Amino acid sequence: MTLRELKPGQEGKVTGIGEKGPVRRRIMDMGVTPGAIIKVIKVAPLGDPIEVNIRGYELSLRKNEAEQIEISQNY
């Protein structure tokens, strides 16, 4: 399951981040790392961007970035 599939109010634990390269590095630099709990706060009307709460702060991610973040709701 990816972060993009979560609805507002749902949360999950980051299990992995997709492809290697600059996008992955940027996502990890923002604090999205395996083991972190991430909660979807709201999604823009057209689905882009997605606002999440991770490590105590709000972060906005694009749909293509959210698709790279693998999560588990069973943690």
Protein backbone atom coordinates (compact mmCIF):
# COMPACT_ATOMS: atom_id res chain seq x y z
CA MET A 1 0.00 0.00 0.00
CA THR A 2 1.23 3.53 -0.70
CA LEU A 3 0.65 6.82 1.09
CA ARG A 4 -1.47 8.03 -1.81
CA GLU A 5 -4.09 5.36 -1.04
CA LEU A 6 -4.77 6.67 2.48
CA LYS A 7 -7.77 8.89 3.14
CA PRO A 8 -7.72 11.95 5.42
CA GLY A 9 -7.58 10.88 9.07
CA GLN A 10 -5.87 7.54 8.35
CA GLU A 11 -2.31 6.80 9.37
CA GLY A 12 0.34 4.20 8.78
CA LYS A 13 3.95 3.30 9.37
CA VAL A 14 6.48 3.94 6.61
CA THR A 15 7.94 0.61 5.49
CA GLY A 16 9.94 1.76 2.49
CA ILE A 17 10.58 4.43 -0.09
CA GLY A 18 10.46 3.52 -3.78
CA GLU A 19 12.98 4.22 -6.48
CA LYS A 20 16.50 5.34 -5.75
CA GLY A 21 17.78 8.71 -6.82
CA PRO A 22 17.14 12.37 -6.10
CA VAL A 23 13.40 11.97 -5.38
CA ARG A 24 14.07 9.33 -2.73
CA ARG A 25 16.83 11.43 -1.16
CA ARG A 26 14.55 14.50 -1.06
CA ILE A 27 11.73 12.54 0.59
CA MET A 28 14.11 11.14 3.20
CA ASP A 29 15.61 14.59 3.84
CA MET A 30 12.11 15.80 4.74
CA GLY A 31 11.96 13.23 7.55
CA VAL A 32 10.02 10.49 5.79
CA THR A 33 12.07 7.45 6.77
CA PRO A 34 11.21 3.79 7.38
CA GLY A 35 9.63 3.34 10.81
CA ALA A 36 8.08 6.81 11.00
CA ILE A 37 4.33 7.14 11.65
CA ILE A 38 2.61 9.28 9.02
CA LYS A 39 -0.97 10.60 9.11
CA VAL A 40 -2.91 12.14 6.21
CA ILE A 41 -4.39 15.47 7.31
CA LYS A 42 -6.07 16.56 4.08
CA VAL A 43 -5.97 16.12 0.33
CA ALA A 44 -6.45 18.97 -2.15
CA PRO A 45 -9.62 18.82 -4.30
CA LEU A 46 -7.76 17.49 -7.33
CA GLY A 47 -5.60 15.19 -5.20
CA ASP A 48 -2.41 17.22 -5.40
CA PRO A 49 -0.83 18.03 -2.95
CA ILE A 50 -1.42 15.77 0.05
CA GLU A 51 -0.87 17.27 3.50
CA VAL A 52 0.52 14.86 6.11
CA ASN A 53 1.72 14.98 9.69
CA ILE A 54 5.02 13.24 10.38
CA ARG A 55 7.35 13.60 13.34
CA GLY A 56 5.24 16.45 14.75
CA TYR A 57 5.15 18.74 11.72
CA GLU A 58 2.96 19.26 8.67
CA LEU A 59 4.36 18.37 5.27
CA SER A 60 2.85 18.69 1.80
CA LEU A 61 3.74 16.05 -0.77
CA ARG A 62 2.93 15.73 -4.45
CA LYS A 63 0.97 12.70 -5.67
CA ASN A 64 4.02 11.25 -7.42
CA GLU A 65 6.04 11.56 -4.18
CA ALA A 66 3.24 9.95 -2.14
CA GLU A 67 3.16 7.00 -4.57
CA GLN A 68 6.83 6.32 -3.74
CA ILE A 69 6.15 5.94 0.01
CA GLU A 70 5.17 2.40 1.01
CA ILE A 71 3.24 2.10 4.26
CA SER A 72 1.64 -0.50 6.50
CA GLN A 73 -1.49 0.16 8.52
CA ASN A 74 -0.79 -2.89 10.73
CA TYR A 75 1.87 -1.62 13.09
